ModelCIF file with pLDDT and N, C-alpha, C, O atoms, coordinates in Angstrom:
data_MODEL
#
_entry.id   MODEL 
#
_entity.id                         1 
_entity.type                       polymer 
_entity.pdbx_number_of_molecules   1 
#
_entity_poly.entity_id                      1 
_entity_poly.type                           'polypeptide(L)' 
_entity_poly.nstd_linkage                   no 
_entity_poly.nstd_monomer                   no 
_entity_poly.pdbx_seq_one_letter_code       
;(UNK)(UNK)(UNK)(UNK)(UNK)(UNK)(UNK)(UNK)(UNK)(UNK)(UNK)(UNK)(UNK)(UNK)(UNK)(UNK)
(UNK)(UNK)(UNK)(UNK)(UNK)(UNK)(UNK)(UNK)(UNK)(UNK)(UNK)(UNK)(UNK)(UNK)(UNK)(UNK)
(UNK)(UNK)(UNK)(UNK)(UNK)(UNK)(UNK)(UNK)(UNK)(UNK)(UNK)(UNK)(UNK)(UNK)
;
_entity_poly.pdbx_seq_one_letter_code_can   XXXXXXXXXXXXXXXXXXXXXXXXXXXXXXXXXXXXXXXXXXXXXX 
_entity_poly.pdbx_strand_id                 A 
#
loop_
_entity_poly_seq.entity_id 
_entity_poly_seq.num 
_entity_poly_seq.mon_id 
_entity_poly_seq.hetero 
1 1  UNK n 
1 2  UNK n 
1 3  UNK n 
1 4  UNK n 
1 5  UNK n 
1 6  UNK n 
1 7  UNK n 
1 8  UNK n 
1 9  UNK n 
1 10 UNK n 
1 11 UNK n 
1 12 UNK n 
1 13 UNK n 
1 14 UNK n 
1 15 UNK n 
1 16 UNK n 
1 17 UNK n 
1 18 UNK n 
1 19 UNK n 
1 20 UNK n 
1 21 UNK n 
1 22 UNK n 
1 23 UNK n 
1 24 UNK n 
1 25 UNK n 
1 26 UNK n 
1 27 UNK n 
1 28 UNK n 
1 29 UNK n 
1 30 UNK n 
1 31 UNK n 
1 32 UNK n 
1 33 UNK n 
1 34 UNK n 
1 35 UNK n 
1 36 UNK n 
1 37 UNK n 
1 38 UNK n 
1 39 UNK n 
1 40 UNK n 
1 41 UNK n 
1 42 UNK n 
1 43 UNK n 
1 44 UNK n 
1 45 UNK n 
1 46 UNK n 
#
_struct_asym.id          A 
_struct_asym.entity_id   1 
#
loop_
_ma_qa_metric.id 
_ma_qa_metric.mode 
_ma_qa_metric.name 
_ma_qa_metric.software_group_id 
_ma_qa_metric.type 
1 global pLDDT . pLDDT 
2 local  pLDDT . pLDDT 
#
_ma_qa_metric_global.metric_id      1 
_ma_qa_metric_global.metric_value   97.26 
_ma_qa_metric_global.model_id       1 
_ma_qa_metric_global.ordinal_id     1 
#
loop_
_ma_qa_metric_local.label_asym_id 
_ma_qa_metric_local.label_comp_id 
_ma_qa_metric_local.label_seq_id 
_ma_qa_metric_local.metric_id 
_ma_qa_metric_local.metric_value 
_ma_qa_metric_local.model_id 
_ma_qa_metric_local.ordinal_id 
A UNK 1  2 98.00 1 1  
A UNK 2  2 98.00 1 2  
A UNK 3  2 98.00 1 3  
A UNK 4  2 98.00 1 4  
A UNK 5  2 98.00 1 5  
A UNK 6  2 98.00 1 6  
A UNK 7  2 98.00 1 7  
A UNK 8  2 98.00 1 8  
A UNK 9  2 98.00 1 9  
A UNK 10 2 98.00 1 10 
A UNK 11 2 98.00 1 11 
A UNK 12 2 98.00 1 12 
A UNK 13 2 97.00 1 13 
A UNK 14 2 97.00 1 14 
A UNK 15 2 97.00 1 15 
A UNK 16 2 98.00 1 16 
A UNK 17 2 98.00 1 17 
A UNK 18 2 98.00 1 18 
A UNK 19 2 98.00 1 19 
A UNK 20 2 98.00 1 20 
A UNK 21 2 98.00 1 21 
A UNK 22 2 98.00 1 22 
A UNK 23 2 98.00 1 23 
A UNK 24 2 98.00 1 24 
A UNK 25 2 98.00 1 25 
A UNK 26 2 98.00 1 26 
A UNK 27 2 98.00 1 27 
A UNK 28 2 97.00 1 28 
A UNK 29 2 97.00 1 29 
A UNK 30 2 96.00 1 30 
A UNK 31 2 96.00 1 31 
A UNK 32 2 95.00 1 32 
A UNK 33 2 94.00 1 33 
A UNK 34 2 95.00 1 34 
A UNK 35 2 93.00 1 35 
A UNK 36 2 94.00 1 36 
A UNK 37 2 96.00 1 37 
A UNK 38 2 97.00 1 38 
A UNK 39 2 98.00 1 39 
A UNK 40 2 97.00 1 40 
A UNK 41 2 97.00 1 41 
A UNK 42 2 98.00 1 42 
A UNK 43 2 98.00 1 43 
A UNK 44 2 97.00 1 44 
A UNK 45 2 98.00 1 45 
A UNK 46 2 98.00 1 46 
#
loop_
_atom_site.group_PDB 
_atom_site.id 
_atom_site.type_symbol 
_atom_site.label_atom_id 
_atom_site.label_alt_id 
_atom_site.label_comp_id 
_atom_site.label_asym_id 
_atom_site.label_entity_id 
_atom_site.label_seq_id 
_atom_site.pdbx_PDB_ins_code 
_atom_site.Cartn_x 
_atom_site.Cartn_y 
_atom_site.Cartn_z 
_atom_site.occupancy 
_atom_site.B_iso_or_equiv 
_atom_site.pdbx_formal_charge 
_atom_site.auth_seq_id 
_atom_site.auth_comp_id 
_atom_site.auth_asym_id 
_atom_site.auth_atom_id 
_atom_site.pdbx_PDB_model_num 
ATOM 1   N N  . UNK A 1 1  ? -3.134  2.763   -9.278  1.00 98.00 ? 1  UNK A N  1 
ATOM 2   C CA . UNK A 1 1  ? -1.704  2.550   -9.449  1.00 98.00 ? 1  UNK A CA 1 
ATOM 3   C C  . UNK A 1 1  ? -1.179  2.933   -10.823 1.00 98.00 ? 1  UNK A C  1 
ATOM 4   O O  . UNK A 1 1  ? -1.890  3.485   -11.662 1.00 98.00 ? 1  UNK A O  1 
ATOM 5   N N  . UNK A 1 2  ? 0.086   2.621   -11.016 1.00 98.00 ? 2  UNK A N  1 
ATOM 6   C CA . UNK A 1 2  ? 0.737   2.962   -12.382 1.00 98.00 ? 2  UNK A CA 1 
ATOM 7   C C  . UNK A 1 2  ? 0.009   2.141   -13.496 1.00 98.00 ? 2  UNK A C  1 
ATOM 8   O O  . UNK A 1 2  ? -0.474  1.030   -13.277 1.00 98.00 ? 2  UNK A O  1 
ATOM 9   N N  . UNK A 1 3  ? -0.031  2.738   -14.642 1.00 98.00 ? 3  UNK A N  1 
ATOM 10  C CA . UNK A 1 3  ? -0.670  1.990   -15.821 1.00 98.00 ? 3  UNK A CA 1 
ATOM 11  C C  . UNK A 1 3  ? 0.409   1.187   -16.568 1.00 98.00 ? 3  UNK A C  1 
ATOM 12  O O  . UNK A 1 3  ? 1.505   1.650   -16.884 1.00 98.00 ? 3  UNK A O  1 
ATOM 13  N N  . UNK A 1 4  ? 0.010   0.007   -16.803 1.00 98.00 ? 4  UNK A N  1 
ATOM 14  C CA . UNK A 1 4  ? 0.788   -0.886  -17.775 1.00 98.00 ? 4  UNK A CA 1 
ATOM 15  C C  . UNK A 1 4  ? 0.268   -0.806  -19.116 1.00 98.00 ? 4  UNK A C  1 
ATOM 16  O O  . UNK A 1 4  ? -0.924  -1.043  -19.313 1.00 98.00 ? 4  UNK A O  1 
ATOM 17  N N  . UNK A 1 5  ? 1.070   -0.484  -20.090 1.00 98.00 ? 5  UNK A N  1 
ATOM 18  C CA . UNK A 1 5  ? 0.525   -0.464  -21.448 1.00 98.00 ? 5  UNK A CA 1 
ATOM 19  C C  . UNK A 1 5  ? -0.033  -1.835  -21.993 1.00 98.00 ? 5  UNK A C  1 
ATOM 20  O O  . UNK A 1 5  ? 0.471   -2.889  -21.605 1.00 98.00 ? 5  UNK A O  1 
ATOM 21  N N  . UNK A 1 6  ? -0.982  -1.819  -22.815 1.00 98.00 ? 6  UNK A N  1 
ATOM 22  C CA . UNK A 1 6  ? -1.511  -3.106  -23.309 1.00 98.00 ? 6  UNK A CA 1 
ATOM 23  C C  . UNK A 1 6  ? -0.401  -3.838  -24.176 1.00 98.00 ? 6  UNK A C  1 
ATOM 24  O O  . UNK A 1 6  ? -0.435  -5.062  -24.299 1.00 98.00 ? 6  UNK A O  1 
ATOM 25  N N  . UNK A 1 7  ? 0.474   -3.153  -24.708 1.00 98.00 ? 7  UNK A N  1 
ATOM 26  C CA . UNK A 1 7  ? 1.554   -3.726  -25.480 1.00 98.00 ? 7  UNK A CA 1 
ATOM 27  C C  . UNK A 1 7  ? 2.535   -4.526  -24.542 1.00 98.00 ? 7  UNK A C  1 
ATOM 28  O O  . UNK A 1 7  ? 3.259   -5.404  -25.009 1.00 98.00 ? 7  UNK A O  1 
ATOM 29  N N  . UNK A 1 8  ? 2.537   -4.225  -23.318 1.00 98.00 ? 8  UNK A N  1 
ATOM 30  C CA . UNK A 1 8  ? 3.402   -4.828  -22.359 1.00 98.00 ? 8  UNK A CA 1 
ATOM 31  C C  . UNK A 1 8  ? 2.763   -6.079  -21.607 1.00 98.00 ? 8  UNK A C  1 
ATOM 32  O O  . UNK A 1 8  ? 3.428   -7.018  -21.170 1.00 98.00 ? 8  UNK A O  1 
ATOM 33  N N  . UNK A 1 9  ? 1.423   -5.964  -21.520 1.00 98.00 ? 9  UNK A N  1 
ATOM 34  C CA . UNK A 1 9  ? 0.803   -7.023  -20.758 1.00 98.00 ? 9  UNK A CA 1 
ATOM 35  C C  . UNK A 1 9  ? -0.186  -7.831  -21.518 1.00 98.00 ? 9  UNK A C  1 
ATOM 36  O O  . UNK A 1 9  ? -0.678  -8.841  -21.014 1.00 98.00 ? 9  UNK A O  1 
ATOM 37  N N  . UNK A 1 10 ? -0.513  -7.403  -22.781 1.00 98.00 ? 10 UNK A N  1 
ATOM 38  C CA . UNK A 1 10 ? -1.612  -8.022  -23.511 1.00 98.00 ? 10 UNK A CA 1 
ATOM 39  C C  . UNK A 1 10 ? -2.928  -7.659  -23.080 1.00 98.00 ? 10 UNK A C  1 
ATOM 40  O O  . UNK A 1 10 ? -3.031  -7.015  -22.036 1.00 98.00 ? 10 UNK A O  1 
ATOM 41  N N  . UNK A 1 11 ? -4.030  -8.004  -23.782 1.00 98.00 ? 11 UNK A N  1 
ATOM 42  C CA . UNK A 1 11 ? -5.297  -7.712  -23.442 1.00 98.00 ? 11 UNK A CA 1 
ATOM 43  C C  . UNK A 1 11 ? -5.754  -8.538  -22.165 1.00 98.00 ? 11 UNK A C  1 
ATOM 44  O O  . UNK A 1 11 ? -5.604  -9.758  -22.231 1.00 98.00 ? 11 UNK A O  1 
ATOM 45  N N  . UNK A 1 12 ? -6.251  -8.044  -21.109 1.00 98.00 ? 12 UNK A N  1 
ATOM 46  C CA . UNK A 1 12 ? -6.531  -8.632  -19.950 1.00 98.00 ? 12 UNK A CA 1 
ATOM 47  C C  . UNK A 1 12 ? -7.966  -9.039  -19.921 1.00 98.00 ? 12 UNK A C  1 
ATOM 48  O O  . UNK A 1 12 ? -8.847  -8.202  -19.726 1.00 98.00 ? 12 UNK A O  1 
ATOM 49  N N  . UNK A 1 13 ? -8.243  -10.390 -20.124 1.00 97.00 ? 13 UNK A N  1 
ATOM 50  C CA . UNK A 1 13 ? -9.554  -10.820 -19.995 1.00 97.00 ? 13 UNK A CA 1 
ATOM 51  C C  . UNK A 1 13 ? -9.726  -11.927 -18.987 1.00 97.00 ? 13 UNK A C  1 
ATOM 52  O O  . UNK A 1 13 ? -10.830 -12.431 -18.784 1.00 97.00 ? 13 UNK A O  1 
ATOM 53  N N  . UNK A 1 14 ? -8.583  -12.321 -18.327 1.00 97.00 ? 14 UNK A N  1 
ATOM 54  C CA . UNK A 1 14 ? -8.616  -13.257 -17.188 1.00 97.00 ? 14 UNK A CA 1 
ATOM 55  C C  . UNK A 1 14 ? -7.426  -13.036 -16.405 1.00 97.00 ? 14 UNK A C  1 
ATOM 56  O O  . UNK A 1 14 ? -6.495  -12.356 -16.837 1.00 97.00 ? 14 UNK A O  1 
ATOM 57  N N  . UNK A 1 15 ? -7.420  -13.637 -15.158 1.00 97.00 ? 15 UNK A N  1 
ATOM 58  C CA . UNK A 1 15 ? -6.312  -13.522 -14.307 1.00 97.00 ? 15 UNK A CA 1 
ATOM 59  C C  . UNK A 1 15 ? -6.901  -13.074 -12.910 1.00 97.00 ? 15 UNK A C  1 
ATOM 60  O O  . UNK A 1 15 ? -7.964  -12.470 -12.759 1.00 97.00 ? 15 UNK A O  1 
ATOM 61  N N  . UNK A 1 16 ? -6.054  -13.460 -11.944 1.00 98.00 ? 16 UNK A N  1 
ATOM 62  C CA . UNK A 1 16 ? -6.449  -13.288 -10.515 1.00 98.00 ? 16 UNK A CA 1 
ATOM 63  C C  . UNK A 1 16 ? -6.530  -11.774 -10.102 1.00 98.00 ? 16 UNK A C  1 
ATOM 64  O O  . UNK A 1 16 ? -5.629  -10.981 -10.375 1.00 98.00 ? 16 UNK A O  1 
ATOM 65  N N  . UNK A 1 17 ? -7.614  -11.447 -9.459  1.00 98.00 ? 17 UNK A N  1 
ATOM 66  C CA . UNK A 1 17 ? -7.678  -10.075 -8.787  1.00 98.00 ? 17 UNK A CA 1 
ATOM 67  C C  . UNK A 1 17 ? -7.964  -10.347 -7.163  1.00 98.00 ? 17 UNK A C  1 
ATOM 68  O O  . UNK A 1 17 ? -8.866  -11.075 -6.748  1.00 98.00 ? 17 UNK A O  1 
ATOM 69  N N  . UNK A 1 18 ? -7.082  -9.669  -6.389  1.00 98.00 ? 18 UNK A N  1 
ATOM 70  C CA . UNK A 1 18 ? -7.250  -9.801  -5.011  1.00 98.00 ? 18 UNK A CA 1 
ATOM 71  C C  . UNK A 1 18 ? -7.121  -8.511  -4.336  1.00 98.00 ? 18 UNK A C  1 
ATOM 72  O O  . UNK A 1 18 ? -6.536  -7.567  -4.867  1.00 98.00 ? 18 UNK A O  1 
ATOM 73  N N  . UNK A 1 19 ? -7.699  -8.444  -3.082  1.00 98.00 ? 19 UNK A N  1 
ATOM 74  C CA . UNK A 1 19 ? -7.464  -7.338  -2.271  1.00 98.00 ? 19 UNK A CA 1 
ATOM 75  C C  . UNK A 1 19 ? -7.180  -7.899  -0.821  1.00 98.00 ? 19 UNK A C  1 
ATOM 76  O O  . UNK A 1 19 ? -7.935  -8.761  -0.369  1.00 98.00 ? 19 UNK A O  1 
ATOM 77  N N  . UNK A 1 20 ? -6.158  -7.455  -0.112  1.00 98.00 ? 20 UNK A N  1 
ATOM 78  C CA . UNK A 1 20 ? -5.797  -7.770  1.124   1.00 98.00 ? 20 UNK A CA 1 
ATOM 79  C C  . UNK A 1 20 ? -5.811  -6.583  2.157   1.00 98.00 ? 20 UNK A C  1 
ATOM 80  O O  . UNK A 1 20 ? -5.435  -5.457  1.830   1.00 98.00 ? 20 UNK A O  1 
ATOM 81  N N  . UNK A 1 21 ? -6.244  -6.872  3.365   1.00 98.00 ? 21 UNK A N  1 
ATOM 82  C CA . UNK A 1 21 ? -6.212  -5.830  4.413   1.00 98.00 ? 21 UNK A CA 1 
ATOM 83  C C  . UNK A 1 21 ? -5.395  -6.337  5.511   1.00 98.00 ? 21 UNK A C  1 
ATOM 84  O O  . UNK A 1 21 ? -5.717  -7.349  6.133   1.00 98.00 ? 21 UNK A O  1 
ATOM 85  N N  . UNK A 1 22 ? -4.260  -5.604  5.786   1.00 98.00 ? 22 UNK A N  1 
ATOM 86  C CA . UNK A 1 22 ? -3.235  -5.967  6.738   1.00 98.00 ? 22 UNK A CA 1 
ATOM 87  C C  . UNK A 1 22 ? -2.726  -7.409  6.558   1.00 98.00 ? 22 UNK A C  1 
ATOM 88  O O  . UNK A 1 22 ? -2.473  -8.141  7.515   1.00 98.00 ? 22 UNK A O  1 
ATOM 89  N N  . UNK A 1 23 ? -2.590  -7.775  5.247   1.00 98.00 ? 23 UNK A N  1 
ATOM 90  C CA . UNK A 1 23 ? -2.079  -9.136  4.888   1.00 98.00 ? 23 UNK A CA 1 
ATOM 91  C C  . UNK A 1 23 ? -3.059  -10.157 4.796   1.00 98.00 ? 23 UNK A C  1 
ATOM 92  O O  . UNK A 1 23 ? -2.718  -11.257 4.361   1.00 98.00 ? 23 UNK A O  1 
ATOM 93  N N  . UNK A 1 24 ? -4.395  -9.917  5.194   1.00 98.00 ? 24 UNK A N  1 
ATOM 94  C CA . UNK A 1 24 ? -5.430  -11.011 5.052   1.00 98.00 ? 24 UNK A CA 1 
ATOM 95  C C  . UNK A 1 24 ? -6.123  -10.733 3.801   1.00 98.00 ? 24 UNK A C  1 
ATOM 96  O O  . UNK A 1 24 ? -6.536  -9.599  3.560   1.00 98.00 ? 24 UNK A O  1 
ATOM 97  N N  . UNK A 1 25 ? -6.287  -11.800 2.913   1.00 98.00 ? 25 UNK A N  1 
ATOM 98  C CA . UNK A 1 25 ? -6.943  -11.674 1.709   1.00 98.00 ? 25 UNK A CA 1 
ATOM 99  C C  . UNK A 1 25 ? -8.498  -11.557 1.950   1.00 98.00 ? 25 UNK A C  1 
ATOM 100 O O  . UNK A 1 25 ? -9.064  -12.443 2.591   1.00 98.00 ? 25 UNK A O  1 
ATOM 101 N N  . UNK A 1 26 ? -9.172  -10.522 1.467   1.00 98.00 ? 26 UNK A N  1 
ATOM 102 C CA . UNK A 1 26 ? -10.562 -10.261 1.658   1.00 98.00 ? 26 UNK A CA 1 
ATOM 103 C C  . UNK A 1 26 ? -11.285 -10.428 0.298   1.00 98.00 ? 26 UNK A C  1 
ATOM 104 O O  . UNK A 1 26 ? -12.455 -10.810 0.322   1.00 98.00 ? 26 UNK A O  1 
ATOM 105 N N  . UNK A 1 27 ? -10.698 -10.178 -0.850  1.00 98.00 ? 27 UNK A N  1 
ATOM 106 C CA . UNK A 1 27 ? -11.373 -10.316 -2.117  1.00 98.00 ? 27 UNK A CA 1 
ATOM 107 C C  . UNK A 1 27 ? -10.402 -11.257 -2.998  1.00 98.00 ? 27 UNK A C  1 
ATOM 108 O O  . UNK A 1 27 ? -9.185  -11.078 -3.021  1.00 98.00 ? 27 UNK A O  1 
ATOM 109 N N  . UNK A 1 28 ? -10.995 -12.182 -3.653  1.00 97.00 ? 28 UNK A N  1 
ATOM 110 C CA . UNK A 1 28 ? -10.193 -13.131 -4.423  1.00 97.00 ? 28 UNK A CA 1 
ATOM 111 C C  . UNK A 1 28 ? -11.113 -13.602 -5.629  1.00 97.00 ? 28 UNK A C  1 
ATOM 112 O O  . UNK A 1 28 ? -12.121 -14.273 -5.408  1.00 97.00 ? 28 UNK A O  1 
ATOM 113 N N  . UNK A 1 29 ? -10.777 -13.271 -6.770  1.00 97.00 ? 29 UNK A N  1 
ATOM 114 C CA . UNK A 1 29 ? -11.616 -13.665 -7.930  1.00 97.00 ? 29 UNK A CA 1 
ATOM 115 C C  . UNK A 1 29 ? -10.691 -13.770 -9.152  1.00 97.00 ? 29 UNK A C  1 
ATOM 116 O O  . UNK A 1 29 ? -9.470  -13.621 -9.104  1.00 97.00 ? 29 UNK A O  1 
ATOM 117 N N  . UNK A 1 30 ? -11.423 -14.046 -10.272 1.00 96.00 ? 30 UNK A N  1 
ATOM 118 C CA . UNK A 1 30 ? -10.756 -13.990 -11.618 1.00 96.00 ? 30 UNK A CA 1 
ATOM 119 C C  . UNK A 1 30 ? -11.574 -13.002 -12.468 1.00 96.00 ? 30 UNK A C  1 
ATOM 120 O O  . UNK A 1 30 ? -12.804 -12.949 -12.451 1.00 96.00 ? 30 UNK A O  1 
ATOM 121 N N  . UNK A 1 31 ? -10.782 -12.238 -13.201 1.00 96.00 ? 31 UNK A N  1 
ATOM 122 C CA . UNK A 1 31 ? -11.440 -11.144 -14.052 1.00 96.00 ? 31 UNK A CA 1 
ATOM 123 C C  . UNK A 1 31 ? -12.362 -11.794 -15.065 1.00 96.00 ? 31 UNK A C  1 
ATOM 124 O O  . UNK A 1 31 ? -13.285 -11.125 -15.530 1.00 96.00 ? 31 UNK A O  1 
ATOM 125 N N  . UNK A 1 32 ? -12.176 -13.057 -15.441 1.00 95.00 ? 32 UNK A N  1 
ATOM 126 C CA . UNK A 1 32 ? -13.140 -13.727 -16.322 1.00 95.00 ? 32 UNK A CA 1 
ATOM 127 C C  . UNK A 1 32 ? -14.464 -13.862 -15.757 1.00 95.00 ? 32 UNK A C  1 
ATOM 128 O O  . UNK A 1 32 ? -15.401 -14.152 -16.501 1.00 95.00 ? 32 UNK A O  1 
ATOM 129 N N  . UNK A 1 33 ? -14.646 -13.675 -14.467 1.00 94.00 ? 33 UNK A N  1 
ATOM 130 C CA . UNK A 1 33 ? -15.987 -13.746 -13.782 1.00 94.00 ? 33 UNK A CA 1 
ATOM 131 C C  . UNK A 1 33 ? -16.717 -12.519 -13.909 1.00 94.00 ? 33 UNK A C  1 
ATOM 132 O O  . UNK A 1 33 ? -17.839 -12.485 -13.404 1.00 94.00 ? 33 UNK A O  1 
ATOM 133 N N  . UNK A 1 34 ? -16.278 -11.513 -14.492 1.00 95.00 ? 34 UNK A N  1 
ATOM 134 C CA . UNK A 1 34 ? -17.019 -10.270 -14.744 1.00 95.00 ? 34 UNK A CA 1 
ATOM 135 C C  . UNK A 1 34 ? -18.287 -10.490 -15.530 1.00 95.00 ? 34 UNK A C  1 
ATOM 136 O O  . UNK A 1 34 ? -18.235 -11.183 -16.546 1.00 95.00 ? 34 UNK A O  1 
ATOM 137 N N  . UNK A 1 35 ? -19.350 -9.985  -15.162 1.00 93.00 ? 35 UNK A N  1 
ATOM 138 C CA . UNK A 1 35 ? -20.703 -10.200 -15.794 1.00 93.00 ? 35 UNK A CA 1 
ATOM 139 C C  . UNK A 1 35 ? -20.597 -9.473  -17.247 1.00 93.00 ? 35 UNK A C  1 
ATOM 140 O O  . UNK A 1 35 ? -20.966 -10.049 -18.271 1.00 93.00 ? 35 UNK A O  1 
ATOM 141 N N  . UNK A 1 36 ? -20.100 -8.259  -17.243 1.00 94.00 ? 36 UNK A N  1 
ATOM 142 C CA . UNK A 1 36 ? -19.918 -7.420  -18.470 1.00 94.00 ? 36 UNK A CA 1 
ATOM 143 C C  . UNK A 1 36 ? -18.390 -7.426  -18.655 1.00 94.00 ? 36 UNK A C  1 
ATOM 144 O O  . UNK A 1 36 ? -17.699 -6.887  -17.790 1.00 94.00 ? 36 UNK A O  1 
ATOM 145 N N  . UNK A 1 37 ? -17.839 -7.983  -19.693 1.00 96.00 ? 37 UNK A N  1 
ATOM 146 C CA . UNK A 1 37 ? -16.451 -8.008  -19.913 1.00 96.00 ? 37 UNK A CA 1 
ATOM 147 C C  . UNK A 1 37 ? -15.995 -6.615  -20.407 1.00 96.00 ? 37 UNK A C  1 
ATOM 148 O O  . UNK A 1 37 ? -16.821 -5.805  -20.827 1.00 96.00 ? 37 UNK A O  1 
ATOM 149 N N  . UNK A 1 38 ? -14.655 -6.342  -20.353 1.00 97.00 ? 38 UNK A N  1 
ATOM 150 C CA . UNK A 1 38 ? -14.155 -5.050  -20.696 1.00 97.00 ? 38 UNK A CA 1 
ATOM 151 C C  . UNK A 1 38 ? -14.553 -4.532  -22.012 1.00 97.00 ? 38 UNK A C  1 
ATOM 152 O O  . UNK A 1 38 ? -14.977 -3.378  -22.085 1.00 97.00 ? 38 UNK A O  1 
ATOM 153 N N  . UNK A 1 39 ? -14.456 -5.303  -23.104 1.00 98.00 ? 39 UNK A N  1 
ATOM 154 C CA . UNK A 1 39 ? -14.768 -4.862  -24.411 1.00 98.00 ? 39 UNK A CA 1 
ATOM 155 C C  . UNK A 1 39 ? -16.301 -4.467  -24.460 1.00 98.00 ? 39 UNK A C  1 
ATOM 156 O O  . UNK A 1 39 ? -16.708 -3.496  -25.097 1.00 98.00 ? 39 UNK A O  1 
ATOM 157 N N  . UNK A 1 40 ? -17.058 -5.260  -23.772 1.00 97.00 ? 40 UNK A N  1 
ATOM 158 C CA . UNK A 1 40 ? -18.572 -5.016  -23.696 1.00 97.00 ? 40 UNK A CA 1 
ATOM 159 C C  . UNK A 1 40 ? -18.836 -3.656  -22.879 1.00 97.00 ? 40 UNK A C  1 
ATOM 160 O O  . UNK A 1 40 ? -19.703 -2.856  -23.229 1.00 97.00 ? 40 UNK A O  1 
ATOM 161 N N  . UNK A 1 41 ? -18.052 -3.478  -21.819 1.00 97.00 ? 41 UNK A N  1 
ATOM 162 C CA . UNK A 1 41 ? -18.209 -2.196  -21.105 1.00 97.00 ? 41 UNK A CA 1 
ATOM 163 C C  . UNK A 1 41 ? -17.905 -0.973  -21.885 1.00 97.00 ? 41 UNK A C  1 
ATOM 164 O O  . UNK A 1 41 ? -18.637 0.016   -21.851 1.00 97.00 ? 41 UNK A O  1 
ATOM 165 N N  . UNK A 1 42 ? -16.789 -1.049  -22.609 1.00 98.00 ? 42 UNK A N  1 
ATOM 166 C CA . UNK A 1 42 ? -16.358 0.059   -23.496 1.00 98.00 ? 42 UNK A CA 1 
ATOM 167 C C  . UNK A 1 42 ? -17.459 0.347   -24.448 1.00 98.00 ? 42 UNK A C  1 
ATOM 168 O O  . UNK A 1 42 ? -17.823 1.510   -24.623 1.00 98.00 ? 42 UNK A O  1 
ATOM 169 N N  . UNK A 1 43 ? -18.035 -0.694  -25.102 1.00 98.00 ? 43 UNK A N  1 
ATOM 170 C CA . UNK A 1 43 ? -19.068 -0.537  -26.100 1.00 98.00 ? 43 UNK A CA 1 
ATOM 171 C C  . UNK A 1 43 ? -20.390 0.023   -25.520 1.00 98.00 ? 43 UNK A C  1 
ATOM 172 O O  . UNK A 1 43 ? -21.064 0.831   -26.160 1.00 98.00 ? 43 UNK A O  1 
ATOM 173 N N  . UNK A 1 44 ? -20.745 -0.424  -24.296 1.00 97.00 ? 44 UNK A N  1 
ATOM 174 C CA . UNK A 1 44 ? -21.990 0.046   -23.656 1.00 97.00 ? 44 UNK A CA 1 
ATOM 175 C C  . UNK A 1 44 ? -21.834 1.479   -23.254 1.00 97.00 ? 44 UNK A C  1 
ATOM 176 O O  . UNK A 1 44 ? -22.754 2.258   -23.505 1.00 97.00 ? 44 UNK A O  1 
ATOM 177 N N  . UNK A 1 45 ? -20.651 1.933   -22.598 1.00 98.00 ? 45 UNK A N  1 
ATOM 178 C CA . UNK A 1 45 ? -20.452 3.201   -22.280 1.00 98.00 ? 45 UNK A CA 1 
ATOM 179 C C  . UNK A 1 45 ? -20.485 4.172   -23.577 1.00 98.00 ? 45 UNK A C  1 
ATOM 180 O O  . UNK A 1 45 ? -21.003 5.286   -23.508 1.00 98.00 ? 45 UNK A O  1 
ATOM 181 N N  . UNK A 1 46 ? -19.974 3.737   -24.611 1.00 98.00 ? 46 UNK A N  1 
ATOM 182 C CA . UNK A 1 46 ? -19.944 4.594   -25.776 1.00 98.00 ? 46 UNK A CA 1 
ATOM 183 C C  . UNK A 1 46 ? -21.298 4.798   -26.419 1.00 98.00 ? 46 UNK A C  1 
ATOM 184 O O  . UNK A 1 46 ? -21.405 5.508   -27.419 1.00 98.00 ? 46 UNK A O  1 
#
């Protein structure tokens, strides 16, 4: 989808992430549940 600049949304370290199929929620979690956090992912990739 469209990109939201970090200046407009802040650094995303938590918050709900969901996926629905035909209106039924199939995935429902919080980004804080990631095993490797975003800053760690960037560091590991580099």
